[in-house]
Amino acid sequence: MKILLDECVTKKLRSFLVGHDVFTVTQMKWNGFRNGNLMARAVAESFDVVITIDKNLRFQQNIQKKDLIVVVFDSPSSKIEELQKFIPQFLNQLPSFEKKNVYIITI
């Protein structure tokens, strides 16, 4: 799957997502874009999944109108030590995720 890591997610998470095409907002040169513009660009560039820790995103965007899966890691910080804890559950649940939905992963 083609995965985009939101600006608030450390690029170090890429190494834990083996077998997927993972890009950061910085790599895409989309830094500073508002969520609506970011989601539209992600769809236009054929991303399947956006990973974020922004818990408010699901209230700010109508994801049901986007051909995209948004996954929120319910993390207290953006440190890799915290985010890597979410990877096993994310990878386990990813095959069941459907586009146009937001999924919250908690540990």
N, C-alpha and C. Protein backbone atom coordinates (compact mmCIF):
# COMPACT_ATOMS: atom_id res chain seq x y z
N MET A 1 0.84 -1.19 0.00
CA MET A 1 0.00 0.00 0.00
C MET A 1 0.88 1.25 0.00
N LYS A 2 0.33 2.29 -0.52
CA LYS A 2 1.03 3.57 -0.55
C LYS A 2 0.56 4.38 0.66
N ILE A 3 1.50 4.69 1.55
CA ILE A 3 1.19 5.31 2.84
C ILE A 3 1.86 6.67 2.93
N LEU A 4 1.11 7.65 3.43
CA LEU A 4 1.63 8.99 3.68
C LEU A 4 1.69 9.22 5.18
N LEU A 5 2.86 9.62 5.69
CA LEU A 5 3.00 9.99 7.09
C LEU A 5 2.76 11.48 7.22
N ASP A 6 1.79 11.84 8.02
CA ASP A 6 1.45 13.24 8.25
C ASP A 6 2.66 13.98 8.84
N GLU A 7 2.62 15.28 8.76
CA GLU A 7 3.71 16.13 9.25
C GLU A 7 4.02 15.90 10.72
N CYS A 8 3.01 15.54 11.49
CA CYS A 8 3.17 15.36 12.93
C CYS A 8 3.72 13.97 13.30
N VAL A 9 3.99 13.15 12.30
CA VAL A 9 4.50 11.79 12.52
C VAL A 9 5.97 11.75 12.09
N THR A 10 6.82 11.26 12.95
CA THR A 10 8.25 11.21 12.64
C THR A 10 8.54 10.32 11.44
N LYS A 11 9.48 10.77 10.62
CA LYS A 11 9.87 10.00 9.44
C LYS A 11 10.53 8.68 9.82
N LYS A 12 10.97 8.55 11.05
CA LYS A 12 11.60 7.31 11.52
C LYS A 12 10.62 6.14 11.49
N LEU A 13 9.34 6.41 11.44
CA LEU A 13 8.33 5.35 11.41
C LEU A 13 8.40 4.56 10.10
N ARG A 14 8.95 5.16 9.07
CA ARG A 14 9.03 4.50 7.75
C ARG A 14 9.70 3.12 7.84
N SER A 15 10.74 3.01 8.64
CA SER A 15 11.49 1.76 8.71
C SER A 15 10.69 0.62 9.35
N PHE A 16 9.59 0.94 10.01
CA PHE A 16 8.74 -0.07 10.65
C PHE A 16 7.61 -0.53 9.73
N LEU A 17 7.49 0.08 8.57
CA LEU A 17 6.39 -0.22 7.65
C LEU A 17 6.92 -0.94 6.40
N VAL A 18 7.72 -1.95 6.62
CA VAL A 18 8.34 -2.73 5.55
C VAL A 18 7.26 -3.37 4.68
N GLY A 19 7.49 -3.35 3.39
CA GLY A 19 6.55 -3.95 2.45
C GLY A 19 5.53 -2.97 1.92
N HIS A 20 5.61 -1.73 2.34
CA HIS A 20 4.70 -0.68 1.87
C HIS A 20 5.52 0.46 1.29
N ASP A 21 4.92 1.21 0.39
CA ASP A 21 5.55 2.41 -0.14
C ASP A 21 5.18 3.56 0.79
N VAL A 22 6.14 4.02 1.56
CA VAL A 22 5.88 5.02 2.60
C VAL A 22 6.59 6.32 2.26
N PHE A 23 5.83 7.41 2.31
CA PHE A 23 6.35 8.74 2.02
C PHE A 23 5.97 9.67 3.17
N THR A 24 6.76 10.71 3.35
CA THR A 24 6.44 11.72 4.35
C THR A 24 5.89 12.97 3.64
N VAL A 25 5.22 13.79 4.40
CA VAL A 25 4.72 15.05 3.86
C VAL A 25 5.90 15.88 3.36
N THR A 26 7.01 15.84 4.08
CA THR A 26 8.20 16.59 3.67
C THR A 26 8.74 16.09 2.34
N GLN A 27 8.82 14.77 2.17
CA GLN A 27 9.29 14.22 0.90
C GLN A 27 8.42 14.67 -0.27
N MET A 28 7.13 14.79 -0.02
CA MET A 28 6.19 15.20 -1.06
C MET A 28 6.19 16.72 -1.27
N LYS A 29 6.92 17.42 -0.40
CA LYS A 29 6.98 18.89 -0.42
C LYS A 29 5.61 19.51 -0.15
N TRP A 30 4.90 18.90 0.80
CA TRP A 30 3.57 19.37 1.17
C TRP A 30 3.54 19.97 2.58
N ASN A 31 4.69 20.34 3.11
CA ASN A 31 4.74 20.92 4.45
C ASN A 31 3.86 22.16 4.54
N GLY A 32 3.17 22.27 5.65
CA GLY A 32 2.36 23.45 5.92
C GLY A 32 0.98 23.45 5.27
N PHE A 33 0.65 22.43 4.49
CA PHE A 33 -0.67 22.39 3.87
C PHE A 33 -1.73 22.10 4.93
N ARG A 34 -2.84 22.74 4.81
CA ARG A 34 -3.97 22.46 5.70
C ARG A 34 -4.49 21.07 5.38
N ASN A 35 -5.19 20.48 6.35
CA ASN A 35 -5.63 19.09 6.22
C ASN A 35 -6.48 18.83 4.97
N GLY A 36 -7.37 19.73 4.63
CA GLY A 36 -8.21 19.54 3.45
C GLY A 36 -7.38 19.45 2.18
N ASN A 37 -6.44 20.36 2.03
CA ASN A 37 -5.56 20.37 0.86
C ASN A 37 -4.66 19.14 0.87
N LEU A 38 -4.18 18.77 2.05
CA LEU A 38 -3.32 17.59 2.17
C LEU A 38 -4.06 16.32 1.76
N MET A 39 -5.30 16.18 2.21
CA MET A 39 -6.09 15.00 1.87
C MET A 39 -6.38 14.95 0.36
N ALA A 40 -6.70 16.09 -0.22
CA ALA A 40 -6.97 16.15 -1.65
C ALA A 40 -5.74 15.76 -2.46
N ARG A 41 -4.59 16.23 -2.04
CA ARG A 41 -3.35 15.88 -2.74
C ARG A 41 -3.02 14.40 -2.57
N ALA A 42 -3.27 13.88 -1.37
CA ALA A 42 -3.01 12.45 -1.12
C ALA A 42 -3.86 11.59 -2.05
N VAL A 43 -5.12 11.96 -2.23
CA VAL A 43 -6.00 11.23 -3.13
C VAL A 43 -5.50 11.36 -4.57
N ALA A 44 -5.14 12.58 -4.96
CA ALA A 44 -4.67 12.83 -6.33
C ALA A 44 -3.39 12.05 -6.64
N GLU A 45 -2.56 11.81 -5.64
CA GLU A 45 -1.31 11.07 -5.82
C GLU A 45 -1.46 9.57 -5.54
N SER A 46 -2.71 9.12 -5.43
CA SER A 46 -3.03 7.69 -5.26
C SER A 46 -2.51 7.06 -3.98
N PHE A 47 -2.48 7.84 -2.90
CA PHE A 47 -2.15 7.26 -1.60
C PHE A 47 -3.35 6.44 -1.14
N ASP A 48 -3.06 5.36 -0.45
CA ASP A 48 -4.12 4.52 0.12
C ASP A 48 -4.42 4.91 1.56
N VAL A 49 -3.36 5.27 2.30
CA VAL A 49 -3.46 5.49 3.74
C VAL A 49 -2.71 6.75 4.14
N VAL A 50 -3.29 7.50 5.06
CA VAL A 50 -2.60 8.59 5.74
C VAL A 50 -2.54 8.22 7.21
N ILE A 51 -1.33 8.25 7.77
CA ILE A 51 -1.16 8.01 9.21
C ILE A 51 -0.88 9.34 9.89
N THR A 52 -1.60 9.59 10.97
CA THR A 52 -1.46 10.84 11.71
C THR A 52 -1.60 10.56 13.21
N ILE A 53 -1.25 11.55 14.01
CA ILE A 53 -1.58 11.50 15.44
C ILE A 53 -2.53 12.64 15.79
N ASP A 54 -3.00 13.34 14.77
CA ASP A 54 -3.94 14.46 14.92
C ASP A 54 -5.33 13.92 15.19
N LYS A 55 -5.71 13.90 16.45
CA LYS A 55 -6.99 13.32 16.85
C LYS A 55 -8.19 14.15 16.38
N ASN A 56 -7.96 15.40 16.03
CA ASN A 56 -9.05 16.27 15.58
C ASN A 56 -9.34 16.15 14.09
N LEU A 57 -8.46 15.51 13.35
CA LEU A 57 -8.63 15.40 11.90
C LEU A 57 -9.97 14.81 11.51
N ARG A 58 -10.42 13.80 12.23
CA ARG A 58 -11.69 13.15 11.88
C ARG A 58 -12.88 14.08 12.02
N PHE A 59 -12.74 15.13 12.84
CA PHE A 59 -13.83 16.09 13.02
C PHE A 59 -13.72 17.26 12.04
N GLN A 60 -12.52 17.47 11.52
CA GLN A 60 -12.27 18.61 10.65
C GLN A 60 -12.48 18.29 9.18
N GLN A 61 -12.43 17.02 8.81
CA GLN A 61 -12.52 16.63 7.41
C GLN A 61 -13.62 15.60 7.21
N ASN A 62 -14.30 15.67 6.08
CA ASN A 62 -15.30 14.67 5.73
C ASN A 62 -14.60 13.58 4.93
N ILE A 63 -14.04 12.63 5.65
CA ILE A 63 -13.26 11.57 5.02
C ILE A 63 -14.14 10.68 4.15
N GLN A 64 -15.42 10.62 4.43
CA GLN A 64 -16.33 9.78 3.64
C GLN A 64 -16.38 10.21 2.18
N LYS A 65 -15.90 11.41 1.89
CA LYS A 65 -15.88 11.89 0.51
C LYS A 65 -14.51 11.73 -0.14
N LYS A 66 -13.57 11.14 0.61
CA LYS A 66 -12.20 10.97 0.10
C LYS A 66 -11.92 9.48 -0.11
N ASP A 67 -11.30 9.17 -1.22
CA ASP A 67 -10.95 7.78 -1.52
C ASP A 67 -9.62 7.47 -0.82
N LEU A 68 -9.69 7.38 0.51
CA LEU A 68 -8.50 7.33 1.34
C LEU A 68 -8.84 6.70 2.68
N ILE A 69 -7.88 6.04 3.27
CA ILE A 69 -8.00 5.53 4.64
C ILE A 69 -7.17 6.46 5.52
N VAL A 70 -7.77 6.93 6.61
CA VAL A 70 -7.03 7.75 7.57
C VAL A 70 -6.92 6.94 8.85
N VAL A 71 -5.68 6.81 9.33
CA VAL A 71 -5.44 6.07 10.56
C VAL A 71 -4.82 7.03 11.57
N VAL A 72 -5.45 7.11 12.73
CA VAL A 72 -4.97 7.97 13.81
C VAL A 72 -4.36 7.08 14.89
N PHE A 73 -3.08 7.29 15.16
CA PHE A 73 -2.45 6.61 16.29
C PHE A 73 -2.75 7.47 17.51
N ASP A 74 -3.45 6.92 18.47
CA ASP A 74 -3.84 7.64 19.69
C ASP A 74 -2.64 7.68 20.63
N SER A 75 -1.65 8.45 20.23
CA SER A 75 -0.37 8.51 20.94
C SER A 75 -0.23 9.80 21.73
N PRO A 76 0.40 9.71 22.91
CA PRO A 76 0.63 10.92 23.70
C PRO A 76 1.75 11.79 23.14
N SER A 77 2.56 11.24 22.21
CA SER A 77 3.64 12.04 21.63
C SER A 77 3.98 11.51 20.24
N SER A 78 4.83 12.25 19.55
CA SER A 78 5.25 11.86 18.21
C SER A 78 6.60 11.17 18.21
N LYS A 79 7.10 10.84 19.38
CA LYS A 79 8.40 10.17 19.48
C LYS A 79 8.30 8.75 18.92
N ILE A 80 9.35 8.34 18.24
CA ILE A 80 9.37 7.01 17.63
C ILE A 80 9.16 5.91 18.67
N GLU A 81 9.66 6.10 19.87
CA GLU A 81 9.50 5.10 20.92
C GLU A 81 8.03 4.85 21.23
N GLU A 82 7.22 5.86 21.10
CA GLU A 82 5.78 5.73 21.33
C GLU A 82 5.08 5.19 20.08
N LEU A 83 5.39 5.76 18.93
CA LEU A 83 4.68 5.40 17.70
C LEU A 83 4.93 3.96 17.26
N GLN A 84 6.12 3.45 17.48
CA GLN A 84 6.41 2.09 17.04
C GLN A 84 5.54 1.07 17.76
N LYS A 85 5.02 1.41 18.92
CA LYS A 85 4.14 0.51 19.67
C LYS A 85 2.82 0.25 18.93
N PHE A 86 2.45 1.16 18.05
CA PHE A 86 1.18 1.04 17.32
C PHE A 86 1.30 0.17 16.06
N ILE A 87 2.51 -0.05 15.61
CA ILE A 87 2.73 -0.74 14.33
C ILE A 87 2.15 -2.15 14.29
N PRO A 88 2.39 -3.01 15.28
CA PRO A 88 1.82 -4.37 15.17
C PRO A 88 0.30 -4.37 14.99
N GLN A 89 -0.39 -3.56 15.76
CA GLN A 89 -1.85 -3.51 15.64
C GLN A 89 -2.26 -2.91 14.30
N PHE A 90 -1.56 -1.86 13.87
CA PHE A 90 -1.85 -1.25 12.57
C PHE A 90 -1.70 -2.27 11.44
N LEU A 91 -0.58 -2.97 11.41
CA LEU A 91 -0.34 -3.94 10.34
C LEU A 91 -1.32 -5.09 10.39
N ASN A 92 -1.72 -5.48 11.57
CA ASN A 92 -2.70 -6.55 11.73
C ASN A 92 -4.08 -6.14 11.21
N GLN A 93 -4.48 -4.90 11.46
CA GLN A 93 -5.81 -4.42 11.08
C GLN A 93 -5.87 -3.86 9.66
N LEU A 94 -4.73 -3.47 9.11
CA LEU A 94 -4.70 -2.80 7.80
C LEU A 94 -5.49 -3.54 6.71
N PRO A 95 -5.39 -4.86 6.59
CA PRO A 95 -6.15 -5.53 5.52
C PRO A 95 -7.66 -5.37 5.63
N SER A 96 -8.16 -5.08 6.82
CA SER A 96 -9.61 -4.94 7.00
C SER A 96 -10.09 -3.49 6.84
N PHE A 97 -9.16 -2.55 6.75
CA PHE A 97 -9.54 -1.15 6.62
C PHE A 97 -10.12 -0.87 5.24
N GLU A 98 -11.10 0.01 5.19
CA GLU A 98 -11.74 0.41 3.94
C GLU A 98 -11.58 1.90 3.72
N LYS A 99 -11.43 2.27 2.47
CA LYS A 99 -11.31 3.68 2.14
C LYS A 99 -12.58 4.43 2.54
N LYS A 100 -12.41 5.74 2.71
CA LYS A 100 -13.49 6.65 3.12
C LYS A 100 -13.82 6.50 4.60
N ASN A 101 -12.85 5.98 5.38
CA ASN A 101 -13.05 5.79 6.81
C ASN A 101 -11.84 6.27 7.59
N VAL A 102 -12.11 6.61 8.86
CA VAL A 102 -11.05 6.97 9.81
C VAL A 102 -11.01 5.87 10.85
N TYR A 103 -9.82 5.41 11.16
CA TYR A 103 -9.62 4.36 12.17
C TYR A 103 -8.70 4.90 13.25
N ILE A 104 -9.11 4.70 14.49
CA ILE A 104 -8.31 5.12 15.64
C ILE A 104 -7.66 3.87 16.22
N ILE A 105 -6.35 3.91 16.35
CA ILE A 105 -5.64 2.78 16.95
C ILE A 105 -5.16 3.20 18.32
N THR A 106 -5.55 2.43 19.30
CA THR A 106 -5.12 2.68 20.68
C THR A 106 -4.36 1.44 21.17
N ILE A 107 -3.51 1.68 22.14
CA ILE A 107 -2.80 0.54 22.74
C ILE A 107 -2.97 0.57 24.24
